Amino acid sequence: MSEAISNFFRTYIPIRIEVTDIVEIIIISFMIYELLKWVKSTKAWQLIKGILVILVFIALAAIFKLNTILWIVDKAVNVLMFAIVIVFQPELRRALEQLGRKKFFAGLLPDNSETNERFSDETVDALVRAAYDMGKVKTGALIVIEQDTNLSEYEATGIELDALVSSQLIINIFEHNTPLHDGAVIMRGNRLTAATCYLPLSDNMELSKELGTRHRAAVGISEVTDSFTIVVSEETGGVSVAVGGQLFRNMDEEKLRSHLVRLQNKQIDVKKFRLWKIRNDKAKTIEAKNREKAEKEKKEKKTGKKK
């Protein structure tokens, strides 16, 4: 068999290719594919995009012979290599850990369980019901829904659950004085994967001073991942959503459900959310101005009648 393959390549392809070369190509292709898949599912993807931008500038400097920039790059390249290793250290360690427990041939078998939806209609109903039931009794909650960026590193900070999503379970987790109420719950698909998870806090100075740690954590996780986070305020009972580094406060039940349905169908776009917020803020500003104008007119009419 190996001789037949070798003879085929010798006859029709002038380059000499052996069976071992084909094996090497397959192995290298598989390694590159796994590397790209790993990079895409972690924060490393954003860092690599930043590095690519720098490389483009270096290429432009080389084309236009910008000698000073090229000299700086030449002297800094060794330091940059060490810097890249330090910056990617958590991701590299996690990648090696995953490599040790990876099932290499699982990806080669077809997975019939995959669907076009992230989660079911029952999960949407459970999330909405739980959020507003907790809001009525002012029970604080933090529910992080995974999209494309893997949240395994944040799951590792909490307690593993792997339970089917239900409103009763979510309410019970965040009930006061229960072992799992502190921290965030992470949801992947139709399952709650972990509870009491620690999230990075946002250092955005534009956030309202009224907001506590729970809301800052929701914004923080949305800044470093593409997750969709539901927050229930313990002080006011209001339900908010954090996505793309933005916080959308006091969202009504209908609006939350519509966003979850879009998320379910993989139609959530961070940019659209930001545009929605800008339009919403403009609409509120216009409404406030109209209200002020109406009040002024009323006062002027009253003053005119008195005269």
C-alpha atoms as a PDB file:
ATOM      1  CA  MET A   1       0.000   0.000   0.000  1.00  0.00           C
ATOM      2  CA  SER A   2       2.765   2.444   0.969  1.00  0.00           C
ATOM      3  CA  GLU A   3       4.663   1.598  -2.262  1.00  0.00           C
ATOM      4  CA  ALA A   4       1.538   2.279  -4.358  1.00  0.00           C
ATOM      5  CA  ILE A   5       1.090   5.712  -2.753  1.00  0.00           C
ATOM      6  CA  SER A   6       4.778   6.513  -3.247  1.00  0.00           C
ATOM      7  CA  ASN A   7       4.619   5.428  -6.920  1.00  0.00           C
ATOM      8  CA  PHE A   8       1.550   7.613  -7.490  1.00  0.00           C
ATOM      9  CA  PHE A   9       3.343  10.728  -6.202  1.00  0.00           C
ATOM     10  CA  ARG A  10       6.537   9.880  -8.152  1.00  0.00           C
ATOM     11  CA  THR A  11       4.536   9.522 -11.387  1.00  0.00           C
ATOM     12  CA  TYR A  12       2.207  12.512 -11.198  1.00  0.00           C
ATOM     13  CA  ILE A  13       4.042  14.914  -8.886  1.00  0.00           C
ATOM     14  CA  PRO A  14       7.663  15.805  -9.688  1.00  0.00           C
ATOM     15  CA  ILE A  15       8.463  16.539  -6.022  1.00  0.00           C
ATOM     16  CA  ARG A  16       9.479  13.431  -4.135  1.00  0.00           C
ATOM     17  CA  ILE A  17       6.937  12.792  -1.356  1.00  0.00           C
ATOM     18  CA  GLU A  18       7.110   9.797   0.937  1.00  0.00           C
ATOM     19  CA  VAL A  19       4.402   8.363   3.188  1.00  0.00           C
ATOM     20  CA  THR A  20       6.204   9.821   6.220  1.00  0.00           C
ATOM     21  CA  ASP A  21       5.877  13.292   4.655  1.00  0.00           C
ATOM     22  CA  ILE A  22       2.114  12.851   4.367  1.00  0.00           C
ATOM     23  CA  VAL A  23       1.936  11.716   8.006  1.00  0.00           C
ATOM     24  CA  GLU A  24       3.960  14.756   9.050  1.00  0.00           C
ATOM     25  CA  ILE A  25       1.641  17.092   7.092  1.00  0.00           C
ATOM     26  CA  ILE A  26      -1.421  15.558   8.791  1.00  0.00           C
ATOM     27  CA  ILE A  27       0.140  15.873  12.260  1.00  0.00           C
ATOM     28  CA  ILE A  28       1.256  19.474  11.711  1.00  0.00           C
ATOM     29  CA  SER A  29      -2.155  20.426  10.268  1.00  0.00           C
ATOM     30  CA  PHE A  30      -3.880  18.903  13.282  1.00  0.00           C
ATOM     31  CA  MET A  31      -1.554  20.770  15.672  1.00  0.00           C
ATOM     32  CA  ILE A  32      -2.155  24.106  13.901  1.00  0.00           C
ATOM     33  CA  TYR A  33      -5.913  23.497  13.914  1.00  0.00           C
ATOM     34  CA  GLU A  34      -5.908  22.716  17.655  1.00  0.00           C
ATOM     35  CA  LEU A  35      -3.719  25.764  18.339  1.00  0.00           C
ATOM     36  CA  LEU A  36      -6.074  28.084  16.423  1.00  0.00           C
ATOM     37  CA  LYS A  37      -9.101  26.552  18.148  1.00  0.00           C
ATOM     38  CA  TRP A  38      -7.489  27.086  21.561  1.00  0.00           C
ATOM     39  CA  VAL A  39      -6.494  30.682  20.749  1.00  0.00           C
ATOM     40  CA  LYS A  40     -10.024  31.469  19.508  1.00  0.00           C
ATOM     41  CA  SER A  41     -11.639  30.194  22.730  1.00  0.00           C
ATOM     42  CA  THR A  42      -9.468  32.250  25.126  1.00  0.00           C
ATOM     43  CA  LYS A  43      -8.508  35.866  25.781  1.00  0.00           C
ATOM     44  CA  ALA A  44      -5.334  35.141  23.786  1.00  0.00           C
ATOM     45  CA  TRP A  45      -7.314  35.901  20.604  1.00  0.00           C
ATOM     46  CA  GLN A  46      -7.633  39.589  21.549  1.00  0.00           C
ATOM     47  CA  LEU A  47      -3.921  39.724  22.455  1.00  0.00           C
ATOM     48  CA  ILE A  48      -2.910  38.091  19.169  1.00  0.00           C
ATOM     49  CA  LYS A  49      -5.001  40.611  17.224  1.00  0.00           C
ATOM     50  CA  GLY A  50      -3.061  43.368  18.998  1.00  0.00           C
ATOM     51  CA  ILE A  51       0.248  41.694  18.089  1.00  0.00           C
ATOM     52  CA  LEU A  52      -0.860  41.410  14.441  1.00  0.00           C
ATOM     53  CA  VAL A  53      -1.552  45.158  14.367  1.00  0.00           C
ATOM     54  CA  ILE A  54       1.993  45.806  15.651  1.00  0.00           C
ATOM     55  CA  LEU A  55       3.422  43.458  12.994  1.00  0.00           C
ATOM     56  CA  VAL A  56       1.537  45.371  10.288  1.00  0.00           C
ATOM     57  CA  PHE A  57       3.149  48.621  11.491  1.00  0.00           C
ATOM     58  CA  ILE A  58       6.577  46.945  11.478  1.00  0.00           C
ATOM     59  CA  ALA A  59       5.968  45.711   7.906  1.00  0.00           C
ATOM     60  CA  LEU A  60       5.005  49.252   6.841  1.00  0.00           C
ATOM     61  CA  ALA A  61       8.166  50.576   8.518  1.00  0.00           C
ATOM     62  CA  ALA A  62      10.224  48.058   6.532  1.00  0.00           C
ATOM     63  CA  ILE A  63       8.498  48.962   3.236  1.00  0.00           C
ATOM     64  CA  PHE A  64       9.024  52.711   3.706  1.00  0.00           C
ATOM     65  CA  LYS A  65      12.510  52.207   5.235  1.00  0.00           C
ATOM     66  CA  LEU A  66      11.779  53.910   8.548  1.00  0.00           C
ATOM     67  CA  ASN A  67      15.188  53.048   9.992  1.00  0.00           C
ATOM     68  CA  THR A  68      14.679  54.436  13.495  1.00  0.00           C
ATOM     69  CA  ILE A  69      11.558  52.317  14.090  1.00  0.00           C
ATOM     70  CA  LEU A  70      13.285  49.234  12.635  1.00  0.00           C
ATOM     71  CA  TRP A  71      16.303  49.814  14.920  1.00  0.00           C
ATOM     72  CA  ILE A  72      14.028  50.032  17.997  1.00  0.00           C
ATOM     73  CA  VAL A  73      12.214  46.831  16.932  1.00  0.00           C
ATOM     74  CA  ASP A  74      15.535  45.032  16.359  1.00  0.00           C
ATOM     75  CA  LYS A  75      16.775  45.935  19.860  1.00  0.00           C
ATOM     76  CA  ALA A  76      13.454  45.155  21.549  1.00  0.00           C
ATOM     77  CA  VAL A  77      12.686  41.829  19.832  1.00  0.00           C
ATOM     78  CA  ASN A  78      14.358  39.643  22.502  1.00  0.00           C
ATOM     79  CA  VAL A  79      12.574  41.477  25.309  1.00  0.00           C
ATOM     80  CA  LEU A  80       9.277  41.173  23.419  1.00  0.00           C
ATOM     81  CA  MET A  81       9.669  37.391  23.141  1.00  0.00           C
ATOM     82  CA  PHE A  82       9.996  37.108  26.935  1.00  0.00           C
ATOM     83  CA  ALA A  83       7.116  39.573  27.368  1.00  0.00           C
ATOM     84  CA  ILE A  84       4.842  37.433  25.157  1.00  0.00           C
ATOM     85  CA  VAL A  85       5.624  34.331  27.240  1.00  0.00           C
ATOM     86  CA  ILE A  86       4.831  36.249  30.453  1.00  0.00           C
ATOM     87  CA  VAL A  87       1.609  37.747  29.057  1.00  0.00           C
ATOM     88  CA  PHE A  88       0.378  34.357  27.766  1.00  0.00           C
ATOM     89  CA  GLN A  89       1.564  32.421  30.838  1.00  0.00           C
ATOM     90  CA  PRO A  90      -1.938  31.669  32.267  1.00  0.00           C
ATOM     91  CA  GLU A  91      -3.240  30.592  28.833  1.00  0.00           C
ATOM     92  CA  LEU A  92      -0.166  28.442  28.117  1.00  0.00           C
ATOM     93  CA  ARG A  93      -0.430  26.684  31.480  1.00  0.00           C
ATOM     94  CA  ARG A  94      -4.133  26.053  30.957  1.00  0.00           C
ATOM     95  CA  ALA A  95      -3.477  24.755  27.428  1.00  0.00           C
ATOM     96  CA  LEU A  96      -0.950  22.225  28.745  1.00  0.00           C
ATOM     97  CA  GLU A  97      -3.409  21.132  31.440  1.00  0.00           C
ATOM     98  CA  GLN A  98      -6.113  20.623  28.806  1.00  0.00           C
ATOM     99  CA  LEU A  99      -3.661  18.739  26.594  1.00  0.00           C
ATOM    100  CA  GLY A 100      -3.109  16.226  29.380  1.00  0.00           C
ATOM    101  CA  ARG A 101      -6.790  15.367  29.633  1.00  0.00           C
ATOM    102  CA  LYS A 102      -7.785  15.816  25.965  1.00  0.00           C
ATOM    103  CA  LYS A 103      -9.537  13.060  24.018  1.00  0.00           C
ATOM    104  CA  PHE A 104      -7.783  13.421  20.677  1.00  0.00           C
ATOM    105  CA  PHE A 105     -10.150  11.327  18.576  1.00  0.00           C
ATOM    106  CA  ALA A 106     -13.395  12.704  20.021  1.00  0.00           C
ATOM    107  CA  GLY A 107     -13.383  15.541  17.498  1.00  0.00           C
ATOM    108  CA  LEU A 108     -13.105  13.117  14.579  1.00  0.00           C
ATOM    109  CA  LEU A 109     -16.453  11.490  15.404  1.00  0.00           C
ATOM    110  CA  PRO A 110     -19.679  13.250  14.348  1.00  0.00           C
ATOM    111  CA  ASP A 111     -21.622  14.922  17.158  1.00  0.00           C
ATOM    112  CA  ASN A 112     -25.350  14.696  16.515  1.00  0.00           C
ATOM    113  CA  SER A 113     -26.216  16.573  19.696  1.00  0.00           C
ATOM    114  CA  GLU A 114     -25.133  19.948  18.288  1.00  0.00           C
ATOM    115  CA  THR A 115     -27.949  22.290  17.305  1.00  0.00           C
ATOM    116  CA  ASN A 116     -28.221  25.821  16.001  1.00  0.00           C
ATOM    117  CA  GLU A 117     -29.530  27.071  19.347  1.00  0.00           C
ATOM    118  CA  ARG A 118     -27.391  27.841  22.385  1.00  0.00           C
ATOM    119  CA  PHE A 119     -30.161  26.769  24.763  1.00  0.00           C
ATOM    120  CA  SER A 120     -33.838  25.821  24.792  1.00  0.00           C
ATOM    121  CA  ASP A 121     -37.023  27.873  25.200  1.00  0.00           C
ATOM    122  CA  GLU A 122     -37.464  26.288  28.636  1.00  0.00           C
ATOM    123  CA  THR A 123     -34.102  27.753  29.670  1.00  0.00           C
ATOM    124  CA  VAL A 124     -35.177  31.228  28.478  1.00  0.00           C
ATOM    125  CA  ASP A 125     -38.389  30.950  30.533  1.00  0.00           C
ATOM    126  CA  ALA A 126     -36.455  29.737  33.589  1.00  0.00           C
ATOM    127  CA  LEU A 127     -33.957  32.618  33.424  1.00  0.00           C
ATOM    128  CA  VAL A 128     -36.634  35.303  33.021  1.00  0.00           C
ATOM    129  CA  ARG A 129     -38.871  33.831  35.741  1.00  0.00           C
ATOM    130  CA  ALA A 130     -35.975  33.423  38.191  1.00  0.00           C
ATOM    131  CA  ALA A 131     -34.603  36.944  37.573  1.00  0.00           C
ATOM    132  CA  TYR A 132     -37.911  38.745  38.201  1.00  0.00           C
ATOM    133  CA  ASP A 133     -39.013  36.464  41.057  1.00  0.00           C
ATOM    134  CA  MET A 134     -35.715  37.268  42.808  1.00  0.00           C
ATOM    135  CA  GLY A 135     -36.154  40.959  41.947  1.00  0.00           C
ATOM    136  CA  LYS A 136     -39.553  41.054  43.682  1.00  0.00           C
ATOM    137  CA  VAL A 137     -38.005  39.925  47.000  1.00  0.00           C
ATOM    138  CA  LYS A 138     -34.718  41.814  46.396  1.00  0.00           C
ATOM    139  CA  THR A 139     -32.471  38.757  46.248  1.00  0.00           C
ATOM    140  CA  GLY A 140     -29.163  39.616  44.586  1.00  0.00           C
ATOM    141  CA  ALA A 141     -28.041  37.386  41.700  1.00  0.00           C
ATOM    142  CA  LEU A 142     -25.301  37.181  39.065  1.00  0.00           C
ATOM    143  CA  ILE A 143     -25.803  34.795  36.107  1.00  0.00           C
ATOM    144  CA  VAL A 144     -23.098  34.638  33.418  1.00  0.00           C
ATOM    145  CA  ILE A 145     -24.139  33.049  30.102  1.00  0.00           C
ATOM    146  CA  GLU A 146     -21.268  31.744  27.968  1.00  0.00           C
ATOM    147  CA  GLN A 147     -21.170  32.610  24.259  1.00  0.00           C
ATOM    148  CA  ASP A 148     -18.083  31.908  22.102  1.00  0.00           C
ATOM    149  CA  THR A 149     -15.308  32.667  24.616  1.00  0.00           C
ATOM    150  CA  ASN A 150     -14.781  29.706  26.937  1.00  0.00           C
ATOM    151  CA  LEU A 151     -15.311  30.521  30.646  1.00  0.00           C
ATOM    152  CA  SER A 152     -13.500  27.493  32.094  1.00  0.00           C
ATOM    153  CA  GLU A 153     -10.934  29.632  33.931  1.00  0.00           C
ATOM    154  CA  TYR A 154     -13.734  31.345  35.869  1.00  0.00           C
ATOM    155  CA  GLU A 155     -15.554  28.055  36.489  1.00  0.00           C
ATOM    156  CA  ALA A 156     -12.373  26.788  38.177  1.00  0.00           C
ATOM    157  CA  THR A 157     -12.728  29.501  40.859  1.00  0.00           C
ATOM    158  CA  GLY A 158     -16.130  28.186  41.948  1.00  0.00           C
ATOM    159  CA  ILE A 159     -17.896  24.928  42.813  1.00  0.00           C
ATOM    160  CA  GLU A 160     -18.815  22.557  39.994  1.00  0.00           C
ATOM    161  CA  LEU A 161     -22.564  21.985  39.498  1.00  0.00           C
ATOM    162  CA  ASP A 162     -23.377  20.552  36.036  1.00  0.00           C
ATOM    163  CA  ALA A 163     -27.121  20.861  36.625  1.00  0.00           C
ATOM    164  CA  LEU A 164     -30.024  21.470  34.252  1.00  0.00           C
ATOM    165  CA  VAL A 165     -31.227  25.093  34.336  1.00  0.00           C
ATOM    166  CA  SER A 166     -34.472  25.687  36.237  1.00  0.00           C
ATOM    167  CA  SER A 167     -35.906  28.760  37.931  1.00  0.00           C
ATOM    168  CA  GLN A 168     -36.250  26.892  41.235  1.00  0.00           C
ATOM    169  CA  LEU A 169     -32.569  25.902  41.222  1.00  0.00           C
ATOM    170  CA  ILE A 170     -31.368  29.438  40.390  1.00  0.00           C
ATOM    171  CA  ILE A 171     -33.546  30.970  43.128  1.00  0.00           C
ATOM    172  CA  ASN A 172     -32.348  28.377  45.640  1.00  0.00           C
ATOM    173  CA  ILE A 173     -28.672  29.010  44.784  1.00  0.00           C
ATOM    174  CA  PHE A 174     -28.947  32.772  45.413  1.00  0.00           C
ATOM    175  CA  GLU A 175     -31.144  32.462  48.518  1.00  0.00           C
ATOM    176  CA  HIS A 176     -29.627  34.293  51.492  1.00  0.00           C
ATOM    177  CA  ASN A 177     -27.488  32.253  53.921  1.00  0.00           C
ATOM    178  CA  THR A 178     -27.122  29.278  51.551  1.00  0.00           C
ATOM    179  CA  PRO A 179     -23.618  27.892  50.819  1.00  0.00           C
ATOM    180  CA  LEU A 180     -23.688  28.837  47.103  1.00  0.00           C
ATOM    181  CA  HIS A 181     -25.303  32.308  47.187  1.00  0.00           C
ATOM    182  CA  ASP A 182     -22.067  34.316  47.129  1.00  0.00           C
ATOM    183  CA  GLY A 183     -20.439  34.866  43.720  1.00  0.00           C
ATOM    184  CA  ALA A 184     -21.634  34.186  40.191  1.00  0.00           C
ATOM    185  CA  VAL A 185     -23.286  31.251  38.453  1.00  0.00           C
ATOM    186  CA  ILE A 186     -21.957  30.279  35.009  1.00  0.00           C
ATOM    187  CA  MET A 187     -24.286  28.802  32.391  1.00  0.00           C
ATOM    188  CA  ARG A 188     -23.251  26.889  29.282  1.00  0.00           C
ATOM    189  CA  GLY A 189     -26.000  25.633  26.988  1.00  0.00           C
ATOM    190  CA  ASN A 190     -28.886  24.337  29.086  1.00  0.00           C
ATOM    191  CA  ARG A 191     -26.756  23.633  32.149  1.00  0.00           C
ATOM    192  CA  LEU A 192     -25.414  25.541  35.114  1.00  0.00           C
ATOM    193  CA  THR A 193     -21.770  24.503  35.190  1.00  0.00           C
ATOM    194  CA  ALA A 194     -20.496  26.234  38.353  1.00  0.00           C
ATOM    195  CA  ALA A 195     -21.541  28.472  41.261  1.00  0.00           C
ATOM    196  CA  THR A 196     -19.737  30.843  43.687  1.00  0.00           C
ATOM    197  CA  CYS A 197     -17.408  31.867  40.848  1.00  0.00           C
ATOM    198  CA  TYR A 198     -15.121  34.891  41.179  1.00  0.00           C
ATOM    199  CA  LEU A 199     -15.221  37.428  38.342  1.00  0.00           C
ATOM    200  CA  PRO A 200     -12.849  40.291  37.473  1.00  0.00           C
ATOM    201  CA  LEU A 201     -14.084  43.701  38.643  1.00  0.00           C
ATOM    202  CA  SER A 202     -14.337  46.532  36.151  1.00  0.00           C
ATOM    203  CA  ASP A 203     -12.223  49.639  36.777  1.00  0.00           C
ATOM    204  CA  ASN A 204     -14.408  51.743  34.450  1.00  0.00           C
ATOM    205  CA  MET A 205     -14.632  55.176  36.103  1.00  0.00           C
ATOM    206  CA  GLU A 206     -17.796  56.035  34.142  1.00  0.00           C
ATOM    207  CA  LEU A 207     -19.892  53.493  36.043  1.00  0.00           C
ATOM    208  CA  SER A 208     -22.299  54.980  38.554  1.00  0.00           C
ATOM    209  CA  LYS A 209     -21.093  55.184  42.164  1.00  0.00           C
ATOM    210  CA  GLU A 210     -24.425  53.658  43.170  1.00  0.00           C
ATOM    211  CA  LEU A 211     -23.356  50.310  41.711  1.00  0.00           C
ATOM    212  CA  GLY A 212     -21.901  47.694  44.004  1.00  0.00           C
ATOM    213  CA  THR A 213     -19.460  44.824  43.551  1.00  0.00           C
ATOM    214  CA  ARG A 214     -22.035  42.593  41.828  1.00  0.00           C
ATOM    215  CA  HIS A 215     -22.641  45.060  38.982  1.00  0.00           C
ATOM    216  CA  ARG A 216     -18.926  45.862  38.633  1.00  0.00           C
ATOM    217  CA  ALA A 217     -18.183  42.127  38.365  1.00  0.00           C
ATOM    218  CA  ALA A 218     -20.843  41.778  35.656  1.00  0.00           C
ATOM    219  CA  VAL A 219     -19.291  44.609  33.633  1.00  0.00           C
ATOM    220  CA  GLY A 220     -15.792  43.240  34.329  1.00  0.00           C
ATOM    221  CA  ILE A 221     -16.513  39.783  32.873  1.00  0.00           C
ATOM    222  CA  SER A 222     -18.211  41.386  29.848  1.00  0.00           C
ATOM    223  CA  GLU A 223     -15.068  43.483  29.201  1.00  0.00           C
ATOM    224  CA  VAL A 224     -12.736  40.471  28.929  1.00  0.00           C
ATOM    225  CA  THR A 225     -15.148  37.961  27.312  1.00  0.00           C
ATOM    226  CA  ASP A 226     -18.208  38.018  25.032  1.00  0.00           C
ATOM    227  CA  SER A 227     -20.451  36.671  27.813  1.00  0.00           C
ATOM    228  CA  PHE A 228     -24.007  37.866  28.482  1.00  0.00           C
ATOM    229  CA  THR A 229     -24.582  38.540  32.193  1.00  0.00           C
ATOM    230  CA  ILE A 230     -27.864  39.009  34.070  1.00  0.00           C
ATOM    231  CA  VAL A 231     -27.657  40.972  37.336  1.00  0.00           C
ATOM    232  CA  VAL A 232     -30.369  41.302  39.970  1.00  0.00           C
ATOM    233  CA  SER A 233     -29.848  44.166  42.420  1.00  0.00           C
ATOM    234  CA  GLU A 234     -30.117  43.336  46.108  1.00  0.00           C
ATOM    235  CA  GLU A 235     -30.910  46.984  46.958  1.00  0.00           C
ATOM    236  CA  THR A 236     -33.560  47.840  44.362  1.00  0.00           C
ATOM    237  CA  GLY A 237     -34.566  44.470  42.872  1.00  0.00           C
ATOM    238  CA  GLY A 238     -33.905  45.873  39.397  1.00  0.00           C
ATOM    239  CA  VAL A 239     -32.722  43.523  36.647  1.00  0.00           C
ATOM    240  CA  SER A 240     -29.776  44.640  34.513  1.00  0.00           C
ATOM    241  CA  VAL A 241     -27.715  43.132  31.700  1.00  0.00           C
ATOM    242  CA  ALA A 242     -23.969  43.467  31.077  1.00  0.00           C
ATOM    243  CA  VAL A 243     -22.487  42.784  27.636  1.00  0.00           C
ATOM    244  CA  GLY A 244     -19.541  44.189  25.700  1.00  0.00           C
ATOM    245  CA  GLY A 245     -18.349  46.252  28.681  1.00  0.00           C
ATOM    246  CA  GLN A 246     -21.712  48.065  28.883  1.00  0.00           C
ATOM    247  CA  LEU A 247     -24.353  47.863  31.596  1.00  0.00           C
ATOM    248  CA  PHE A 248     -28.052  48.166  30.672  1.00  0.00           C
ATOM    249  CA  ARG A 249     -29.941  48.893  33.871  1.00  0.00           C
ATOM    250  CA  ASN A 250     -33.549  48.327  34.933  1.00  0.00           C
ATOM    251  CA  MET A 251     -34.506  46.154  31.983  1.00  0.00           C
ATOM    252  CA  ASP A 252     -38.143  45.057  31.830  1.00  0.00           C
ATOM    253  CA  GLU A 253     -39.226  41.438  31.459  1.00  0.00           C
ATOM    254  CA  GLU A 254     -40.191  41.710  27.787  1.00  0.00           C
ATOM    255  CA  LYS A 255     -36.876  43.318  26.787  1.00  0.00           C
ATOM    256  CA  LEU A 256     -34.829  40.702  28.687  1.00  0.00           C
ATOM    257  CA  ARG A 257     -36.765  37.886  27.048  1.00  0.00           C
ATOM    258  CA  SER A 258     -36.215  39.336  23.556  1.00  0.00           C
ATOM    259  CA  HIS A 259     -32.449  39.622  24.168  1.00  0.00           C
ATOM    260  CA  LEU A 260     -32.284  36.055  25.478  1.00  0.00           C
ATOM    261  CA  VAL A 261     -34.141  34.797  22.392  1.00  0.00           C
ATOM    262  CA  ARG A 262     -31.608  36.588  20.172  1.00  0.00           C
ATOM    263  CA  LEU A 263     -28.785  35.101  22.250  1.00  0.00           C
ATOM    264  CA  GLN A 264     -30.427  31.678  21.967  1.00  0.00           C
ATOM    265  CA  ASN A 265     -30.370  31.969  18.173  1.00  0.00           C
ATOM    266  CA  LYS A 266     -26.735  33.225  18.172  1.00  0.00           C
ATOM    267  CA  GLN A 267     -27.763  36.698  16.995  1.00  0.00           C
ATOM    268  CA  ILE A 268     -26.349  38.812  19.839  1.00  0.00           C
ATOM    269  CA  ASP A 269     -23.937  41.453  18.561  1.00  0.00           C
ATOM    270  CA  VAL A 270     -21.995  43.562  21.061  1.00  0.00           C
ATOM    271  CA  LYS A 271     -21.870  46.520  18.636  1.00  0.00           C
ATOM    272  CA  LYS A 272     -25.653  46.433  18.199  1.00  0.00           C
ATOM    273  CA  PHE A 273     -26.049  46.460  21.971  1.00  0.00           C
ATOM    274  CA  ARG A 274     -23.863  49.557  22.197  1.00  0.00           C
ATOM    275  CA  LEU A 275     -25.847  51.264  19.420  1.00  0.00           C
ATOM    276  CA  TRP A 276     -29.058  50.335  21.228  1.00  0.00           C
ATOM    277  CA  LYS A 277     -27.740  51.990  24.378  1.00  0.00           C
ATOM    278  CA  ILE A 278     -26.722  55.153  22.502  1.00  0.00           C
ATOM    279  CA  ARG A 279     -30.159  55.399  20.859  1.00  0.00           C
ATOM    280  CA  ASN A 280     -31.848  54.676  24.176  1.00  0.00           C
ATOM    281  CA  ASP A 281     -29.826  57.417  25.907  1.00  0.00           C
ATOM    282  CA  LYS A 282     -30.648  59.886  23.095  1.00  0.00           C
ATOM    283  CA  ALA A 283     -34.338  59.033  23.360  1.00  0.00           C
ATOM    284  CA  LYS A 284     -34.241  59.612  27.134  1.00  0.00           C
ATOM    285  CA  THR A 285     -32.458  62.963  26.648  1.00  0.00           C
ATOM    286  CA  ILE A 286     -35.033  64.117  24.086  1.00  0.00           C
ATOM    287  CA  GLU A 287     -37.865  62.968  26.357  1.00  0.00           C
ATOM    288  CA  ALA A 288     -36.369  64.872  29.311  1.00  0.00           C
ATOM    289  CA  LYS A 289     -35.996  68.046  27.222  1.00  0.00           C
ATOM    290  CA  ASN A 290     -39.607  67.788  26.019  1.00  0.00           C
ATOM    291  CA  ARG A 291     -40.748  67.334  29.625  1.00  0.00           C
ATOM    292  CA  GLU A 292     -38.797  70.410  30.752  1.00  0.00           C
ATOM    293  CA  LYS A 293     -40.234  72.435  27.863  1.00  0.00           C
ATOM    294  CA  ALA A 294     -43.771  71.361  28.753  1.00  0.00           C
ATOM    295  CA  GLU A 295     -43.254  72.309  32.408  1.00  0.00           C
ATOM    296  CA  LYS A 296     -41.891  75.736  31.400  1.00  0.00           C
ATOM    297  CA  GLU A 297     -44.917  76.373  29.185  1.00  0.00           C
ATOM    298  CA  LYS A 298     -47.256  75.416  32.055  1.00  0.00           C
ATOM    299  CA  LYS A 299     -45.451  77.795  34.419  1.00  0.00           C
ATOM    300  CA  GLU A 300     -45.593  80.616  31.855  1.00  0.00           C
ATOM    301  CA  LYS A 301     -49.349  80.060  31.369  1.00  0.00           C
ATOM    302  CA  LYS A 302     -49.928  80.132  35.147  1.00  0.00           C
ATOM    303  CA  THR A 303     -47.874  83.331  35.474  1.00  0.00           C
ATOM    304  CA  GLY A 304     -49.847  84.941  32.624  1.00  0.00           C
ATOM    305  CA  LYS A 305     -53.186  84.064  34.262  1.00  0.00           C
ATOM    306  CA  LYS A 306     -52.095  85.575  37.588  1.00  0.00           C
ATOM    307  CA  LYS A 307     -51.127  88.838  35.857  1.00  0.00           C
END
